[in-house]
Amino acid sequence: MTRKLLFTAFLLLSLNAANAQETFHRYAVGLDYGFGNELKNTDYTYTNRYLKGQIYYRFKPYKKHNFEILVQPEINFATHQLLNLYFVTPDEPNYQELRDKYTKLKDIREYSIGFGLLYRRHFSEHFSMYILGSVGR
């Protein structure tokens, strides 16, 4: 069976409740919510919403910069449905079964967790920028 990659563009709304500007607290927590769907696609529909928690731990606080460990548990709620029957071609084995399977609307839930190391540079009491390296599954 030929596998085709589906690329989806997301419009994301991120609401970050993390208060990471307080330089004297070792811990901070946050919450992100986002959503998106494909743009003008006639072959399939795909939507996604996610909820991501954030836990920051500062282990090297300095006056102008600090290092933090970041843990991000996440849950994704997605839907997918194939609209174009001919996306699965007759030359594939069991193509009719595959068409029936993929043309049904599917609800998908994904659970993941990410870990990161963050370097934050403070420019003022209310403004900072950071560089994040992270891995997740």
C-alpha atoms as a PDB file:
ATOM      1  CA  MET A   1       0.000   0.000   0.000  1.00  0.00           C
ATOM      2  CA  THR A   2       1.328   3.388  -0.953  1.00  0.00           C
ATOM      3  CA  ARG A   3       1.400   5.695   2.033  1.00  0.00           C
ATOM      4  CA  LYS A   4       0.850   9.369   1.439  1.00  0.00           C
ATOM      5  CA  LEU A   5       1.869  12.102   3.810  1.00  0.00           C
ATOM      6  CA  LEU A   6      -0.822  14.584   4.724  1.00  0.00           C
ATOM      7  CA  PHE A   7       0.404  18.043   5.569  1.00  0.00           C
ATOM      8  CA  THR A   8      -1.922  20.246   7.557  1.00  0.00           C
ATOM      9  CA  ALA A   9      -1.625  23.939   8.259  1.00  0.00           C
ATOM     10  CA  PHE A  10      -2.776  24.990  11.687  1.00  0.00           C
ATOM     11  CA  LEU A  11      -3.997  28.281  12.972  1.00  0.00           C
ATOM     12  CA  LEU A  12      -3.122  28.096  16.616  1.00  0.00           C
ATOM     13  CA  LEU A  13      -4.390  30.098  19.501  1.00  0.00           C
ATOM     14  CA  SER A  14      -2.131  29.746  22.473  1.00  0.00           C
ATOM     15  CA  LEU A  15      -3.244  30.926  25.865  1.00  0.00           C
ATOM     16  CA  ASN A  16      -0.284  30.780  28.187  1.00  0.00           C
ATOM     17  CA  ALA A  17      -1.037  31.206  31.854  1.00  0.00           C
ATOM     18  CA  ALA A  18       2.529  30.588  32.962  1.00  0.00           C
ATOM     19  CA  ASN A  19       3.951  33.341  35.083  1.00  0.00           C
ATOM     20  CA  ALA A  20       7.585  32.772  34.225  1.00  0.00           C
ATOM     21  CA  GLN A  21       8.695  36.373  34.852  1.00  0.00           C
ATOM     22  CA  GLU A  22       8.940  36.127  38.637  1.00  0.00           C
ATOM     23  CA  THR A  23      12.665  35.579  39.082  1.00  0.00           C
ATOM     24  CA  PHE A  24      12.555  34.597  42.768  1.00  0.00           C
ATOM     25  CA  HIS A  25      10.191  31.621  42.527  1.00  0.00           C
ATOM     26  CA  ARG A  26      11.679  28.212  41.773  1.00  0.00           C
ATOM     27  CA  TYR A  27       8.440  26.755  40.330  1.00  0.00           C
ATOM     28  CA  ALA A  28       5.921  28.119  37.857  1.00  0.00           C
ATOM     29  CA  VAL A  29       2.965  26.436  36.165  1.00  0.00           C
ATOM     30  CA  GLY A  30       1.116  27.207  32.958  1.00  0.00           C
ATOM     31  CA  LEU A  31      -1.597  25.982  30.641  1.00  0.00           C
ATOM     32  CA  ASP A  32      -1.779  26.179  26.830  1.00  0.00           C
ATOM     33  CA  TYR A  33      -4.866  25.605  24.685  1.00  0.00           C
ATOM     34  CA  GLY A  34      -4.726  25.463  20.901  1.00  0.00           C
ATOM     35  CA  PHE A  35      -6.851  24.467  17.935  1.00  0.00           C
ATOM     36  CA  GLY A  36      -6.582  24.177  14.182  1.00  0.00           C
ATOM     37  CA  ASN A  37      -7.746  22.527  10.985  1.00  0.00           C
ATOM     38  CA  GLU A  38      -6.618  22.163   7.385  1.00  0.00           C
ATOM     39  CA  LEU A  39      -7.024  25.015   4.924  1.00  0.00           C
ATOM     40  CA  LYS A  40      -9.150  24.444   1.779  1.00  0.00           C
ATOM     41  CA  ASN A  41      -8.565  20.725   1.359  1.00  0.00           C
ATOM     42  CA  THR A  42     -10.967  18.655  -0.782  1.00  0.00           C
ATOM     43  CA  ASP A  43      -9.366  15.249  -0.064  1.00  0.00           C
ATOM     44  CA  TYR A  44      -9.910  14.986   3.706  1.00  0.00           C
ATOM     45  CA  THR A  45     -10.985  16.843   6.841  1.00  0.00           C
ATOM     46  CA  TYR A  46      -8.799  17.178   9.907  1.00  0.00           C
ATOM     47  CA  THR A  47      -9.289  19.179  13.085  1.00  0.00           C
ATOM     48  CA  ASN A  48      -7.213  19.331  16.230  1.00  0.00           C
ATOM     49  CA  ARG A  49      -7.545  20.791  19.728  1.00  0.00           C
ATOM     50  CA  TYR A  50      -4.952  20.395  22.437  1.00  0.00           C
ATOM     51  CA  LEU A  51      -4.511  21.102  26.102  1.00  0.00           C
ATOM     52  CA  LYS A  52      -0.952  21.281  27.401  1.00  0.00           C
ATOM     53  CA  GLY A  53       0.176  21.732  30.984  1.00  0.00           C
ATOM     54  CA  GLN A  54       3.541  23.301  31.763  1.00  0.00           C
ATOM     55  CA  ILE A  55       5.662  22.933  34.864  1.00  0.00           C
ATOM     56  CA  TYR A  56       8.818  25.066  35.075  1.00  0.00           C
ATOM     57  CA  TYR A  57      11.596  24.500  37.609  1.00  0.00           C
ATOM     58  CA  ARG A  58      14.394  27.080  37.867  1.00  0.00           C
ATOM     59  CA  PHE A  59      17.644  25.529  38.936  1.00  0.00           C
ATOM     60  CA  LYS A  60      20.134  28.297  38.094  1.00  0.00           C
ATOM     61  CA  PRO A  61      18.590  31.719  38.839  1.00  0.00           C
ATOM     62  CA  TYR A  62      20.739  34.783  38.151  1.00  0.00           C
ATOM     63  CA  LYS A  63      19.825  38.464  37.985  1.00  0.00           C
ATOM     64  CA  LYS A  64      19.586  38.769  34.178  1.00  0.00           C
ATOM     65  CA  HIS A  65      19.196  35.142  33.087  1.00  0.00           C
ATOM     66  CA  ASN A  66      18.332  31.679  34.371  1.00  0.00           C
ATOM     67  CA  PHE A  67      18.099  28.027  33.385  1.00  0.00           C
ATOM     68  CA  GLU A  68      14.881  26.044  33.751  1.00  0.00           C
ATOM     69  CA  ILE A  69      13.631  22.494  33.323  1.00  0.00           C
ATOM     70  CA  LEU A  70      10.256  22.236  31.591  1.00  0.00           C
ATOM     71  CA  VAL A  71       7.794  19.312  31.766  1.00  0.00           C
ATOM     72  CA  GLN A  72       4.761  19.435  29.426  1.00  0.00           C
ATOM     73  CA  PRO A  73       2.019  16.776  29.642  1.00  0.00           C
ATOM     74  CA  GLU A  74      -0.380  17.118  26.685  1.00  0.00           C
ATOM     75  CA  ILE A  75      -3.653  15.699  25.368  1.00  0.00           C
ATOM     76  CA  ASN A  76      -4.783  16.130  21.735  1.00  0.00           C
ATOM     77  CA  PHE A  77      -8.351  15.737  20.477  1.00  0.00           C
ATOM     78  CA  ALA A  78      -8.452  15.264  16.695  1.00  0.00           C
ATOM     79  CA  THR A  79     -10.967  14.245  14.039  1.00  0.00           C
ATOM     80  CA  HIS A  80     -10.141  12.867  10.586  1.00  0.00           C
ATOM     81  CA  GLN A  81     -12.199  11.780   7.589  1.00  0.00           C
ATOM     82  CA  LEU A  82     -11.231  10.957   4.012  1.00  0.00           C
ATOM     83  CA  LEU A  83     -13.497  12.779   1.534  1.00  0.00           C
ATOM     84  CA  ASN A  84     -11.927  11.748  -1.792  1.00  0.00           C
ATOM     85  CA  LEU A  85     -12.600   8.022  -2.403  1.00  0.00           C
ATOM     86  CA  TYR A  86      -9.950   7.931  -5.116  1.00  0.00           C
ATOM     87  CA  PHE A  87      -7.229   8.876  -2.649  1.00  0.00           C
ATOM     88  CA  VAL A  88      -6.980   5.093  -2.052  1.00  0.00           C
ATOM     89  CA  THR A  89      -6.389   3.611  -5.509  1.00  0.00           C
ATOM     90  CA  PRO A  90      -7.639   0.227  -6.830  1.00  0.00           C
ATOM     91  CA  ASP A  91      -4.066  -1.037  -7.305  1.00  0.00           C
ATOM     92  CA  GLU A  92      -3.677  -1.318  -3.510  1.00  0.00           C
ATOM     93  CA  PRO A  93      -4.601  -4.628  -1.851  1.00  0.00           C
ATOM     94  CA  ASN A  94      -8.011  -4.516  -0.108  1.00  0.00           C
ATOM     95  CA  TYR A  95      -8.604  -1.019  -1.465  1.00  0.00           C
ATOM     96  CA  GLN A  96     -12.379  -1.156  -0.887  1.00  0.00           C
ATOM     97  CA  GLU A  97     -11.910  -2.074   2.786  1.00  0.00           C
ATOM     98  CA  LEU A  98      -9.413   0.756   3.143  1.00  0.00           C
ATOM     99  CA  ARG A  99     -11.813   3.216   1.520  1.00  0.00           C
ATOM    100  CA  ASP A 100     -14.575   2.160   3.907  1.00  0.00           C
ATOM    101  CA  LYS A 101     -12.231   2.475   6.875  1.00  0.00           C
ATOM    102  CA  TYR A 102     -10.833   5.919   6.003  1.00  0.00           C
ATOM    103  CA  THR A 103     -14.090   7.558   4.890  1.00  0.00           C
ATOM    104  CA  LYS A 104     -15.640   7.146   8.350  1.00  0.00           C
ATOM    105  CA  LEU A 105     -15.210  10.090  10.712  1.00  0.00           C
ATOM    106  CA  LYS A 106     -12.648   9.152  13.362  1.00  0.00           C
ATOM    107  CA  ASP A 107     -12.147  10.693  16.788  1.00  0.00           C
ATOM    108  CA  ILE A 108      -8.507  10.474  17.794  1.00  0.00           C
ATOM    109  CA  ARG A 109      -6.988  11.095  21.229  1.00  0.00           C
ATOM    110  CA  GLU A 110      -3.269  11.349  21.735  1.00  0.00           C
ATOM    111  CA  TYR A 111      -1.458  11.613  25.042  1.00  0.00           C
ATOM    112  CA  SER A 112       2.119  12.842  25.174  1.00  0.00           C
ATOM    113  CA  ILE A 113       4.702  14.303  27.473  1.00  0.00           C
ATOM    114  CA  GLY A 114       7.612  16.584  26.672  1.00  0.00           C
ATOM    115  CA  PHE A 115      10.775  17.482  28.578  1.00  0.00           C
ATOM    116  CA  GLY A 116      12.895  20.518  27.901  1.00  0.00           C
ATOM    117  CA  LEU A 117      15.827  22.627  29.002  1.00  0.00           C
ATOM    118  CA  LEU A 118      15.222  26.345  28.784  1.00  0.00           C
ATOM    119  CA  TYR A 119      17.612  29.324  28.909  1.00  0.00           C
ATOM    120  CA  ARG A 120      15.786  32.576  29.714  1.00  0.00           C
ATOM    121  CA  ARG A 121      17.240  36.105  29.380  1.00  0.00           C
ATOM    122  CA  HIS A 122      15.453  38.824  31.375  1.00  0.00           C
ATOM    123  CA  PHE A 123      15.364  42.309  29.828  1.00  0.00           C
ATOM    124  CA  SER A 124      13.066  43.826  32.449  1.00  0.00           C
ATOM    125  CA  GLU A 125      10.763  42.672  35.241  1.00  0.00           C
ATOM    126  CA  HIS A 126       7.959  41.968  32.730  1.00  0.00           C
ATOM    127  CA  PHE A 127       9.823  40.988  29.554  1.00  0.00           C
ATOM    128  CA  SER A 128      12.117  38.055  28.808  1.00  0.00           C
ATOM    129  CA  MET A 129      13.051  35.833  25.871  1.00  0.00           C
ATOM    130  CA  TYR A 130      14.105  32.208  25.939  1.00  0.00           C
ATOM    131  CA  ILE A 131      15.680  29.400  23.942  1.00  0.00           C
ATOM    132  CA  LEU A 132      14.167  25.945  24.439  1.00  0.00           C
ATOM    133  CA  GLY A 133      15.518  22.531  23.531  1.00  0.00           C
ATOM    134  CA  SER A 134      13.018  19.740  24.115  1.00  0.00           C
ATOM    135  CA  VAL A 135      12.094  16.146  23.372  1.00  0.00           C
ATOM    136  CA  GLY A 136       8.765  14.406  23.749  1.00  0.00           C
ATOM    137  CA  ARG A 137       6.645  11.486  22.947  1.00  0.00           C
END
